[in-house]
Amino acid sequence: MAPITIDSNMRLLQSKLNITSERMMNYTDKTVDEIIEAEKKQGNTKAAEFEKQLTHNPDVLIKSYRLDEPGNKFNILSQIPQQEQPELLEYLEDDDLRLGLNFFSQEQLLKLIEDIAPIEEVVNAAMVCFTLPKIMEMMPDKELNNFVLNKDLDPAFLMKSLEKMDPEVLAVMIETATGNPVVEEDPKKLIEMLKGLDDDTYKEALVAMDPDAKRLMVMNMYEQDEEVMQLFPADAYTTMLGSIEKNDMMPCVSAFQTESLIGMNSELPPELMSIVLTQIDPKDFAKILIKEYPELLEQIVAA
């Protein structure tokens, strides 16, 4: 493993080992571990004490290696195996993880949203950038047709929503599906006519509903049950998000929760992930190094 050069606290190291500046000059390009070993061989009892502190006390490790400096953390993180880096993302706050999403292009981020985020979060993300009326305006007619035919849409809920539609809309639905002219204007009787249709004809009638009437119906249904918006596919929403500039879209990431954020950041290349991971709290980072990566501490060259 290659040495890891960091901007360490040389004065603290010198003080802990109780050695002179001249003597410290002899250890140029040596790792801290090598310096301690050399001092121990020379009978320096302070070296053994300091070694124990470095391997057991996070606060000493932070001060000695300046782990509050992003550059130092980055140099160490870069040496952690690529496949293990994603495991460290759980130590970050959600806002730190959201910052990491800025490293993706808009196209990449939209694909990650589709593939990783649950539909509830995708809907909420769209709601951050667009009003409900705007979302429905942008919703393709094809998706509106799929919505009214969706097996997960409660038939009773759908029928109650149809009962609130204008009679003219209902009449056109029935007329288009059956091919027979409809002169009835009584809403209740029109609903009974809809209920009397066989399954296939009823589906044809739903598809035949005016697209704008469908949009209005969905918005009315949303007022009673917000989860109806989850019946539209994720790509319908990501297409909307993709229609605006990335900077205008980024506020939507506030809708994504920890699991989704970790999943998305896990797709970053190692160097960029290391940058994101520099946001780890220094104390957490020190504890991780002591417990999981003592071999990395042995490779650190004080500079």
C-alpha atoms as a PDB file:
ATOM      1  CA  MET A   1       0.000   0.000   0.000  1.00  0.00           C
ATOM      2  CA  ALA A   2       1.339   3.439  -0.949  1.00  0.00           C
ATOM      3  CA  PRO A   3       2.118   5.980   1.790  1.00  0.00           C
ATOM      4  CA  ILE A   4      -0.637   8.499   2.545  1.00  0.00           C
ATOM      5  CA  THR A   5       0.655  12.055   2.853  1.00  0.00           C
ATOM      6  CA  ILE A   6      -1.372  14.430   4.992  1.00  0.00           C
ATOM      7  CA  ASP A   7      -0.960  17.865   6.526  1.00  0.00           C
ATOM      8  CA  SER A   8      -0.497  16.657  10.096  1.00  0.00           C
ATOM      9  CA  ASN A   9       0.123  18.478  13.351  1.00  0.00           C
ATOM     10  CA  MET A  10       3.901  18.138  13.458  1.00  0.00           C
ATOM     11  CA  ARG A  11       4.273  20.211  16.604  1.00  0.00           C
ATOM     12  CA  LEU A  12       1.829  17.976  18.441  1.00  0.00           C
ATOM     13  CA  LEU A  13       3.653  14.872  17.194  1.00  0.00           C
ATOM     14  CA  GLN A  14       6.979  16.293  18.275  1.00  0.00           C
ATOM     15  CA  SER A  15       5.562  17.277  21.649  1.00  0.00           C
ATOM     16  CA  LYS A  16       3.930  13.895  22.246  1.00  0.00           C
ATOM     17  CA  LEU A  17       7.184  12.099  21.438  1.00  0.00           C
ATOM     18  CA  ASN A  18       9.197  14.666  23.406  1.00  0.00           C
ATOM     19  CA  ILE A  19      11.903  15.015  20.736  1.00  0.00           C
ATOM     20  CA  THR A  20      13.765  18.013  19.310  1.00  0.00           C
ATOM     21  CA  SER A  21      13.150  19.674  15.960  1.00  0.00           C
ATOM     22  CA  GLU A  22      16.609  18.564  14.805  1.00  0.00           C
ATOM     23  CA  ARG A  23      15.799  14.974  15.621  1.00  0.00           C
ATOM     24  CA  MET A  24      12.465  15.277  13.888  1.00  0.00           C
ATOM     25  CA  MET A  25      14.314  16.256  10.714  1.00  0.00           C
ATOM     26  CA  ASN A  26      15.736  12.733  10.588  1.00  0.00           C
ATOM     27  CA  TYR A  27      12.249  11.364   9.983  1.00  0.00           C
ATOM     28  CA  THR A  28      11.517  13.171   6.725  1.00  0.00           C
ATOM     29  CA  ASP A  29       9.196  11.062   4.484  1.00  0.00           C
ATOM     30  CA  LYS A  30       8.717   8.496   7.250  1.00  0.00           C
ATOM     31  CA  THR A  31       5.253   7.376   8.244  1.00  0.00           C
ATOM     32  CA  VAL A  32       4.084   8.273  11.732  1.00  0.00           C
ATOM     33  CA  ASP A  33       4.071   4.563  12.500  1.00  0.00           C
ATOM     34  CA  GLU A  34       7.703   4.279  11.412  1.00  0.00           C
ATOM     35  CA  ILE A  35       8.669   7.304  13.532  1.00  0.00           C
ATOM     36  CA  ILE A  36       7.017   5.811  16.584  1.00  0.00           C
ATOM     37  CA  GLU A  37       8.690   2.435  16.018  1.00  0.00           C
ATOM     38  CA  ALA A  38      12.082   4.093  15.629  1.00  0.00           C
ATOM     39  CA  GLU A  39      11.593   6.036  18.830  1.00  0.00           C
ATOM     40  CA  LYS A  40      10.457   2.952  20.715  1.00  0.00           C
ATOM     41  CA  LYS A  41      13.632   1.115  19.644  1.00  0.00           C
ATOM     42  CA  GLN A  42      15.633   4.003  21.055  1.00  0.00           C
ATOM     43  CA  GLY A  43      13.913   3.588  24.401  1.00  0.00           C
ATOM     44  CA  ASN A  44      11.542   6.537  24.095  1.00  0.00           C
ATOM     45  CA  THR A  45       8.723   5.590  26.482  1.00  0.00           C
ATOM     46  CA  LYS A  46       6.643   8.500  25.243  1.00  0.00           C
ATOM     47  CA  ALA A  47       6.440   6.811  21.847  1.00  0.00           C
ATOM     48  CA  ALA A  48       4.667   3.754  23.226  1.00  0.00           C
ATOM     49  CA  GLU A  49       2.236   5.954  25.137  1.00  0.00           C
ATOM     50  CA  PHE A  50       1.491   8.047  22.061  1.00  0.00           C
ATOM     51  CA  GLU A  51       1.036   4.947  19.907  1.00  0.00           C
ATOM     52  CA  LYS A  52      -1.625   3.669  22.286  1.00  0.00           C
ATOM     53  CA  GLN A  53      -3.399   7.021  22.222  1.00  0.00           C
ATOM     54  CA  LEU A  54      -3.373   7.121  18.421  1.00  0.00           C
ATOM     55  CA  THR A  55      -4.921   3.674  18.161  1.00  0.00           C
ATOM     56  CA  HIS A  56      -7.503   4.108  20.908  1.00  0.00           C
ATOM     57  CA  ASN A  57      -8.347   7.791  21.358  1.00  0.00           C
ATOM     58  CA  PRO A  58     -10.319   9.457  18.526  1.00  0.00           C
ATOM     59  CA  ASP A  59      -9.648  12.949  19.863  1.00  0.00           C
ATOM     60  CA  VAL A  60      -5.871  12.426  19.770  1.00  0.00           C
ATOM     61  CA  LEU A  61      -6.137  11.009  16.258  1.00  0.00           C
ATOM     62  CA  ILE A  62      -8.159  14.034  15.101  1.00  0.00           C
ATOM     63  CA  LYS A  63      -5.655  16.514  16.513  1.00  0.00           C
ATOM     64  CA  SER A  64      -2.575  14.608  15.358  1.00  0.00           C
ATOM     65  CA  TYR A  65      -3.747  13.991  11.799  1.00  0.00           C
ATOM     66  CA  ARG A  66      -5.961  17.070  11.502  1.00  0.00           C
ATOM     67  CA  LEU A  67      -8.945  14.987  10.512  1.00  0.00           C
ATOM     68  CA  ASP A  68     -11.088  18.096  10.562  1.00  0.00           C
ATOM     69  CA  GLU A  69      -9.298  19.125   7.342  1.00  0.00           C
ATOM     70  CA  PRO A  70     -11.194  17.887   4.227  1.00  0.00           C
ATOM     71  CA  GLY A  71      -7.922  17.464   2.324  1.00  0.00           C
ATOM     72  CA  ASN A  72      -6.536  15.082   4.919  1.00  0.00           C
ATOM     73  CA  LYS A  73      -9.756  13.095   5.019  1.00  0.00           C
ATOM     74  CA  PHE A  74      -9.792  12.915   1.227  1.00  0.00           C
ATOM     75  CA  ASN A  75      -6.227  11.551   1.056  1.00  0.00           C
ATOM     76  CA  ILE A  76      -7.099   8.821   3.530  1.00  0.00           C
ATOM     77  CA  LEU A  77     -10.514   8.040   2.036  1.00  0.00           C
ATOM     78  CA  SER A  78      -8.948   7.661  -1.400  1.00  0.00           C
ATOM     79  CA  GLN A  79      -7.039   4.647  -0.101  1.00  0.00           C
ATOM     80  CA  ILE A  80     -10.120   2.847   1.200  1.00  0.00           C
ATOM     81  CA  PRO A  81     -11.095   0.030  -1.208  1.00  0.00           C
ATOM     82  CA  GLN A  82     -13.622   1.185  -3.784  1.00  0.00           C
ATOM     83  CA  GLN A  83     -16.144  -1.518  -2.892  1.00  0.00           C
ATOM     84  CA  GLU A  84     -16.097  -0.485   0.772  1.00  0.00           C
ATOM     85  CA  GLN A  85     -16.580   3.257   0.323  1.00  0.00           C
ATOM     86  CA  PRO A  86     -20.400   3.097  -0.061  1.00  0.00           C
ATOM     87  CA  GLU A  87     -20.626   1.563   3.418  1.00  0.00           C
ATOM     88  CA  LEU A  88     -19.379   4.865   4.852  1.00  0.00           C
ATOM     89  CA  LEU A  89     -22.215   6.886   3.310  1.00  0.00           C
ATOM     90  CA  GLU A  90     -24.451   5.970   6.241  1.00  0.00           C
ATOM     91  CA  TYR A  91     -22.332   8.245   8.448  1.00  0.00           C
ATOM     92  CA  LEU A  92     -23.418  11.309   6.466  1.00  0.00           C
ATOM     93  CA  GLU A  93     -26.399  13.525   7.167  1.00  0.00           C
ATOM     94  CA  ASP A  94     -29.147  13.603   4.545  1.00  0.00           C
ATOM     95  CA  ASP A  95     -28.242  17.162   3.519  1.00  0.00           C
ATOM     96  CA  ASP A  96     -24.633  16.067   2.931  1.00  0.00           C
ATOM     97  CA  LEU A  97     -25.863  13.204   0.773  1.00  0.00           C
ATOM     98  CA  ARG A  98     -28.068  15.584  -1.179  1.00  0.00           C
ATOM     99  CA  LEU A  99     -25.031  17.729  -1.942  1.00  0.00           C
ATOM    100  CA  GLY A 100     -23.381  14.655  -3.426  1.00  0.00           C
ATOM    101  CA  LEU A 101     -26.110  14.431  -6.063  1.00  0.00           C
ATOM    102  CA  ASN A 102     -24.753  17.600  -7.652  1.00  0.00           C
ATOM    103  CA  PHE A 103     -21.875  15.544  -9.067  1.00  0.00           C
ATOM    104  CA  PHE A 104     -24.248  13.705 -11.407  1.00  0.00           C
ATOM    105  CA  SER A 105     -25.348  15.124 -14.724  1.00  0.00           C
ATOM    106  CA  GLN A 106     -29.065  15.834 -14.993  1.00  0.00           C
ATOM    107  CA  GLU A 107     -29.524  12.801 -17.232  1.00  0.00           C
ATOM    108  CA  GLN A 108     -27.682  10.545 -14.792  1.00  0.00           C
ATOM    109  CA  LEU A 109     -29.616  11.855 -11.819  1.00  0.00           C
ATOM    110  CA  LEU A 110     -32.992  11.383 -13.498  1.00  0.00           C
ATOM    111  CA  LYS A 111     -32.088   7.781 -14.300  1.00  0.00           C
ATOM    112  CA  LEU A 112     -31.064   7.186 -10.672  1.00  0.00           C
ATOM    113  CA  ILE A 113     -34.329   8.700  -9.468  1.00  0.00           C
ATOM    114  CA  GLU A 114     -36.260   6.307 -11.705  1.00  0.00           C
ATOM    115  CA  ASP A 115     -34.266   3.254 -10.694  1.00  0.00           C
ATOM    116  CA  ILE A 116     -33.732   3.834  -6.971  1.00  0.00           C
ATOM    117  CA  ALA A 117     -36.290   6.159  -5.380  1.00  0.00           C
ATOM    118  CA  PRO A 118     -39.690   4.744  -4.369  1.00  0.00           C
ATOM    119  CA  ILE A 119     -42.577   6.215  -6.328  1.00  0.00           C
ATOM    120  CA  GLU A 120     -43.797   8.193  -3.276  1.00  0.00           C
ATOM    121  CA  GLU A 121     -40.527  10.129  -3.193  1.00  0.00           C
ATOM    122  CA  VAL A 122     -40.546  10.607  -6.967  1.00  0.00           C
ATOM    123  CA  VAL A 123     -44.014  12.147  -6.748  1.00  0.00           C
ATOM    124  CA  ASN A 124     -42.940  14.388  -3.871  1.00  0.00           C
ATOM    125  CA  ALA A 125     -39.882  15.464  -5.873  1.00  0.00           C
ATOM    126  CA  ALA A 126     -42.086  16.537  -8.764  1.00  0.00           C
ATOM    127  CA  MET A 127     -44.335  18.367  -6.324  1.00  0.00           C
ATOM    128  CA  VAL A 128     -41.350  20.419  -5.154  1.00  0.00           C
ATOM    129  CA  CYS A 129     -40.774  21.779  -8.650  1.00  0.00           C
ATOM    130  CA  PHE A 130     -44.317  21.908 -10.011  1.00  0.00           C
ATOM    131  CA  THR A 131     -47.821  22.622  -8.768  1.00  0.00           C
ATOM    132  CA  LEU A 132     -50.395  19.851  -9.052  1.00  0.00           C
ATOM    133  CA  PRO A 133     -52.245  21.621 -11.898  1.00  0.00           C
ATOM    134  CA  LYS A 134     -48.940  21.975 -13.781  1.00  0.00           C
ATOM    135  CA  ILE A 135     -48.128  18.293 -13.252  1.00  0.00           C
ATOM    136  CA  MET A 136     -51.513  17.288 -14.607  1.00  0.00           C
ATOM    137  CA  GLU A 137     -51.110  19.673 -17.543  1.00  0.00           C
ATOM    138  CA  MET A 138     -47.806  17.968 -18.377  1.00  0.00           C
ATOM    139  CA  MET A 139     -49.099  14.429 -17.811  1.00  0.00           C
ATOM    140  CA  PRO A 140     -49.332  12.656 -21.209  1.00  0.00           C
ATOM    141  CA  ASP A 141     -52.737  11.446 -22.382  1.00  0.00           C
ATOM    142  CA  LYS A 142     -51.339   7.900 -22.546  1.00  0.00           C
ATOM    143  CA  GLU A 143     -50.568   7.973 -18.832  1.00  0.00           C
ATOM    144  CA  LEU A 144     -54.019   9.351 -18.054  1.00  0.00           C
ATOM    145  CA  ASN A 145     -55.548   6.405 -19.918  1.00  0.00           C
ATOM    146  CA  ASN A 146     -53.317   3.974 -18.058  1.00  0.00           C
ATOM    147  CA  PHE A 147     -54.360   5.631 -14.800  1.00  0.00           C
ATOM    148  CA  VAL A 148     -58.100   5.086 -15.249  1.00  0.00           C
ATOM    149  CA  LEU A 149     -57.428   1.473 -16.261  1.00  0.00           C
ATOM    150  CA  ASN A 150     -54.959   0.788 -13.465  1.00  0.00           C
ATOM    151  CA  LYS A 151     -55.899  -2.360 -11.511  1.00  0.00           C
ATOM    152  CA  ASP A 152     -54.619  -0.719  -8.328  1.00  0.00           C
ATOM    153  CA  LEU A 153     -57.145   2.096  -8.602  1.00  0.00           C
ATOM    154  CA  ASP A 154     -60.094   1.319  -6.328  1.00  0.00           C
ATOM    155  CA  PRO A 155     -63.122   0.821  -8.643  1.00  0.00           C
ATOM    156  CA  ALA A 156     -65.494   2.242  -6.034  1.00  0.00           C
ATOM    157  CA  PHE A 157     -63.329   5.338  -5.605  1.00  0.00           C
ATOM    158  CA  LEU A 158     -63.212   5.774  -9.366  1.00  0.00           C
ATOM    159  CA  MET A 159     -66.976   5.462  -9.666  1.00  0.00           C
ATOM    160  CA  LYS A 160     -67.566   8.032  -6.912  1.00  0.00           C
ATOM    161  CA  SER A 161     -65.255  10.373  -8.802  1.00  0.00           C
ATOM    162  CA  LEU A 162     -67.181   9.799 -12.038  1.00  0.00           C
ATOM    163  CA  GLU A 163     -70.389  10.702 -10.239  1.00  0.00           C
ATOM    164  CA  LYS A 164     -69.000  14.231  -9.803  1.00  0.00           C
ATOM    165  CA  MET A 165     -68.274  14.696 -13.509  1.00  0.00           C
ATOM    166  CA  ASP A 166     -70.345  16.923 -15.767  1.00  0.00           C
ATOM    167  CA  PRO A 167     -73.207  15.057 -17.503  1.00  0.00           C
ATOM    168  CA  GLU A 168     -71.861  16.110 -20.898  1.00  0.00           C
ATOM    169  CA  VAL A 169     -68.572  14.322 -20.184  1.00  0.00           C
ATOM    170  CA  LEU A 170     -70.364  11.139 -19.106  1.00  0.00           C
ATOM    171  CA  ALA A 171     -72.643  11.198 -22.146  1.00  0.00           C
ATOM    172  CA  VAL A 172     -69.712  11.480 -24.570  1.00  0.00           C
ATOM    173  CA  MET A 173     -67.942   8.601 -22.788  1.00  0.00           C
ATOM    174  CA  ILE A 174     -70.931   6.302 -23.176  1.00  0.00           C
ATOM    175  CA  GLU A 175     -71.680   7.406 -26.712  1.00  0.00           C
ATOM    176  CA  THR A 176     -68.071   6.882 -27.867  1.00  0.00           C
ATOM    177  CA  ALA A 177     -67.805   3.451 -26.216  1.00  0.00           C
ATOM    178  CA  THR A 178     -71.162   2.089 -27.417  1.00  0.00           C
ATOM    179  CA  GLY A 179     -71.466   3.883 -30.734  1.00  0.00           C
ATOM    180  CA  ASN A 180     -75.017   4.841 -29.820  1.00  0.00           C
ATOM    181  CA  PRO A 181     -76.218   8.442 -29.400  1.00  0.00           C
ATOM    182  CA  VAL A 182     -76.933   9.461 -25.802  1.00  0.00           C
ATOM    183  CA  VAL A 183     -79.614  12.055 -25.152  1.00  0.00           C
ATOM    184  CA  GLU A 184     -79.913  11.443 -21.409  1.00  0.00           C
ATOM    185  CA  GLU A 185     -78.853  14.440 -19.266  1.00  0.00           C
ATOM    186  CA  ASP A 186     -79.665  13.194 -15.774  1.00  0.00           C
ATOM    187  CA  PRO A 187     -76.300  12.524 -14.005  1.00  0.00           C
ATOM    188  CA  LYS A 188     -77.684   9.649 -11.924  1.00  0.00           C
ATOM    189  CA  LYS A 189     -79.128   7.887 -14.944  1.00  0.00           C
ATOM    190  CA  LEU A 190     -75.894   8.392 -16.882  1.00  0.00           C
ATOM    191  CA  ILE A 191     -73.958   6.780 -14.029  1.00  0.00           C
ATOM    192  CA  GLU A 192     -76.395   3.853 -14.063  1.00  0.00           C
ATOM    193  CA  MET A 193     -75.772   3.507 -17.797  1.00  0.00           C
ATOM    194  CA  LEU A 194     -72.021   3.385 -17.126  1.00  0.00           C
ATOM    195  CA  LYS A 195     -72.507   0.755 -14.454  1.00  0.00           C
ATOM    196  CA  GLY A 196     -74.566  -1.303 -16.894  1.00  0.00           C
ATOM    197  CA  LEU A 197     -71.761  -1.558 -19.453  1.00  0.00           C
ATOM    198  CA  ASP A 198     -69.780  -4.779 -19.743  1.00  0.00           C
ATOM    199  CA  ASP A 199     -66.154  -4.632 -18.596  1.00  0.00           C
ATOM    200  CA  ASP A 200     -64.597  -4.070 -21.996  1.00  0.00           C
ATOM    201  CA  THR A 201     -67.063  -1.365 -22.999  1.00  0.00           C
ATOM    202  CA  TYR A 202     -66.696   0.304 -19.602  1.00  0.00           C
ATOM    203  CA  LYS A 203     -62.929   0.451 -20.124  1.00  0.00           C
ATOM    204  CA  GLU A 204     -63.487   1.956 -23.564  1.00  0.00           C
ATOM    205  CA  ALA A 205     -65.715   4.567 -21.987  1.00  0.00           C
ATOM    206  CA  LEU A 206     -63.031   5.456 -19.420  1.00  0.00           C
ATOM    207  CA  VAL A 207     -60.418   5.870 -22.130  1.00  0.00           C
ATOM    208  CA  ALA A 208     -62.867   7.943 -24.172  1.00  0.00           C
ATOM    209  CA  MET A 209     -63.203  10.494 -21.360  1.00  0.00           C
ATOM    210  CA  ASP A 210     -61.922  13.906 -22.397  1.00  0.00           C
ATOM    211  CA  PRO A 211     -58.232  14.198 -21.331  1.00  0.00           C
ATOM    212  CA  ASP A 212     -58.824  17.486 -19.535  1.00  0.00           C
ATOM    213  CA  ALA A 213     -61.781  15.917 -17.729  1.00  0.00           C
ATOM    214  CA  LYS A 214     -59.443  13.113 -16.638  1.00  0.00           C
ATOM    215  CA  ARG A 215     -56.975  15.674 -15.346  1.00  0.00           C
ATOM    216  CA  LEU A 216     -59.649  17.426 -13.343  1.00  0.00           C
ATOM    217  CA  MET A 217     -60.878  14.106 -11.976  1.00  0.00           C
ATOM    218  CA  VAL A 218     -57.375  13.115 -10.841  1.00  0.00           C
ATOM    219  CA  MET A 219     -56.928  16.436  -9.047  1.00  0.00           C
ATOM    220  CA  ASN A 220     -60.261  15.942  -7.281  1.00  0.00           C
ATOM    221  CA  MET A 221     -59.221  12.410  -6.313  1.00  0.00           C
ATOM    222  CA  TYR A 222     -55.921  13.769  -4.976  1.00  0.00           C
ATOM    223  CA  GLU A 223     -57.810  15.978  -2.541  1.00  0.00           C
ATOM    224  CA  GLN A 224     -59.282  12.832  -1.013  1.00  0.00           C
ATOM    225  CA  ASP A 225     -56.271  10.540  -1.329  1.00  0.00           C
ATOM    226  CA  GLU A 226     -52.830  11.920  -2.209  1.00  0.00           C
ATOM    227  CA  GLU A 227     -51.524   8.423  -2.958  1.00  0.00           C
ATOM    228  CA  VAL A 228     -53.418   8.332  -6.257  1.00  0.00           C
ATOM    229  CA  MET A 229     -50.495  10.216  -7.806  1.00  0.00           C
ATOM    230  CA  GLN A 230     -48.343   7.169  -7.141  1.00  0.00           C
ATOM    231  CA  LEU A 231     -50.312   5.280  -9.790  1.00  0.00           C
ATOM    232  CA  PHE A 232     -48.493   7.223 -12.486  1.00  0.00           C
ATOM    233  CA  PRO A 233     -45.062   5.772 -13.440  1.00  0.00           C
ATOM    234  CA  ALA A 234     -41.790   7.267 -12.256  1.00  0.00           C
ATOM    235  CA  ASP A 235     -40.655   8.079 -15.793  1.00  0.00           C
ATOM    236  CA  ALA A 236     -43.679  10.340 -16.274  1.00  0.00           C
ATOM    237  CA  TYR A 237     -42.389  12.501 -13.442  1.00  0.00           C
ATOM    238  CA  THR A 238     -38.715  12.340 -14.394  1.00  0.00           C
ATOM    239  CA  THR A 239     -39.648  13.456 -17.906  1.00  0.00           C
ATOM    240  CA  MET A 240     -41.246  16.530 -16.351  1.00  0.00           C
ATOM    241  CA  LEU A 241     -38.182  17.179 -14.193  1.00  0.00           C
ATOM    242  CA  GLY A 242     -36.002  16.778 -17.252  1.00  0.00           C
ATOM    243  CA  SER A 243     -37.889  19.572 -18.998  1.00  0.00           C
ATOM    244  CA  ILE A 244     -36.340  22.215 -16.728  1.00  0.00           C
ATOM    245  CA  GLU A 245     -32.711  23.222 -16.178  1.00  0.00           C
ATOM    246  CA  LYS A 246     -30.686  21.174 -13.705  1.00  0.00           C
ATOM    247  CA  ASN A 247     -30.260  24.115 -11.323  1.00  0.00           C
ATOM    248  CA  ASP A 248     -34.025  24.586 -11.260  1.00  0.00           C
ATOM    249  CA  MET A 249     -34.528  20.873 -10.737  1.00  0.00           C
ATOM    250  CA  MET A 250     -32.076  20.366  -7.845  1.00  0.00           C
ATOM    251  CA  PRO A 251     -34.466  21.598  -5.094  1.00  0.00           C
ATOM    252  CA  CYS A 252     -36.463  18.422  -5.767  1.00  0.00           C
ATOM    253  CA  VAL A 253     -33.768  16.314  -4.072  1.00  0.00           C
ATOM    254  CA  SER A 254     -35.158  17.514  -0.731  1.00  0.00           C
ATOM    255  CA  ALA A 255     -37.885  14.906  -1.262  1.00  0.00           C
ATOM    256  CA  PHE A 256     -35.490  11.951  -1.170  1.00  0.00           C
ATOM    257  CA  GLN A 257     -34.908  10.114   2.086  1.00  0.00           C
ATOM    258  CA  THR A 258     -31.807   8.439   3.517  1.00  0.00           C
ATOM    259  CA  GLU A 259     -32.059   5.055   1.817  1.00  0.00           C
ATOM    260  CA  SER A 260     -32.602   6.588  -1.615  1.00  0.00           C
ATOM    261  CA  LEU A 261     -29.847   9.166  -1.101  1.00  0.00           C
ATOM    262  CA  ILE A 262     -27.346   6.491  -0.091  1.00  0.00           C
ATOM    263  CA  GLY A 263     -28.346   4.374  -3.075  1.00  0.00           C
ATOM    264  CA  MET A 264     -27.818   7.251  -5.498  1.00  0.00           C
ATOM    265  CA  ASN A 265     -24.511   8.387  -3.991  1.00  0.00           C
ATOM    266  CA  SER A 266     -23.291   4.784  -4.145  1.00  0.00           C
ATOM    267  CA  GLU A 267     -23.187   5.172  -7.927  1.00  0.00           C
ATOM    268  CA  LEU A 268     -20.555   7.924  -7.782  1.00  0.00           C
ATOM    269  CA  PRO A 269     -17.047   7.053  -9.051  1.00  0.00           C
ATOM    270  CA  PRO A 270     -14.488   6.527  -6.234  1.00  0.00           C
ATOM    271  CA  GLU A 271     -12.805   9.933  -6.434  1.00  0.00           C
ATOM    272  CA  LEU A 272     -16.092  11.825  -6.280  1.00  0.00           C
ATOM    273  CA  MET A 273     -17.393   9.556  -3.537  1.00  0.00           C
ATOM    274  CA  SER A 274     -14.262  10.317  -1.532  1.00  0.00           C
ATOM    275  CA  ILE A 275     -15.055  14.021  -1.866  1.00  0.00           C
ATOM    276  CA  VAL A 276     -18.596  13.452  -0.616  1.00  0.00           C
ATOM    277  CA  LEU A 277     -17.301  11.350   2.282  1.00  0.00           C
ATOM    278  CA  THR A 278     -15.037  14.157   3.498  1.00  0.00           C
ATOM    279  CA  GLN A 279     -18.219  15.541   5.077  1.00  0.00           C
ATOM    280  CA  ILE A 280     -18.138  12.746   7.674  1.00  0.00           C
ATOM    281  CA  ASP A 281     -17.905  14.104  11.204  1.00  0.00           C
ATOM    282  CA  PRO A 282     -14.198  14.008  12.261  1.00  0.00           C
ATOM    283  CA  LYS A 283     -14.948  12.009  15.405  1.00  0.00           C
ATOM    284  CA  ASP A 284     -16.929   9.414  13.471  1.00  0.00           C
ATOM    285  CA  PHE A 285     -14.129   9.258  10.905  1.00  0.00           C
ATOM    286  CA  ALA A 286     -11.487   8.765  13.600  1.00  0.00           C
ATOM    287  CA  LYS A 287     -13.515   5.943  15.157  1.00  0.00           C
ATOM    288  CA  ILE A 288     -13.905   4.275  11.754  1.00  0.00           C
ATOM    289  CA  LEU A 289     -10.163   4.438  11.111  1.00  0.00           C
ATOM    290  CA  ILE A 290      -9.295   3.043  14.532  1.00  0.00           C
ATOM    291  CA  LYS A 291     -11.779   0.185  14.295  1.00  0.00           C
ATOM    292  CA  GLU A 292     -11.869  -0.695  10.611  1.00  0.00           C
ATOM    293  CA  TYR A 293      -8.698   0.636   8.982  1.00  0.00           C
ATOM    294  CA  PRO A 294      -5.734   0.528  11.399  1.00  0.00           C
ATOM    295  CA  GLU A 295      -3.536  -0.482   8.466  1.00  0.00           C
ATOM    296  CA  LEU A 296      -4.211   2.891   6.812  1.00  0.00           C
ATOM    297  CA  LEU A 297      -3.005   4.715   9.899  1.00  0.00           C
ATOM    298  CA  GLU A 298       0.303   2.868   9.558  1.00  0.00           C
ATOM    299  CA  GLN A 299       0.782   4.339   6.072  1.00  0.00           C
ATOM    300  CA  ILE A 300       0.327   8.001   6.988  1.00  0.00           C
ATOM    301  CA  VAL A 301       3.321  10.252   6.314  1.00  0.00           C
ATOM    302  CA  ALA A 302       3.376  13.387   8.445  1.00  0.00           C
ATOM    303  CA  ALA A 303       4.048  16.564   6.464  1.00  0.00           C
END
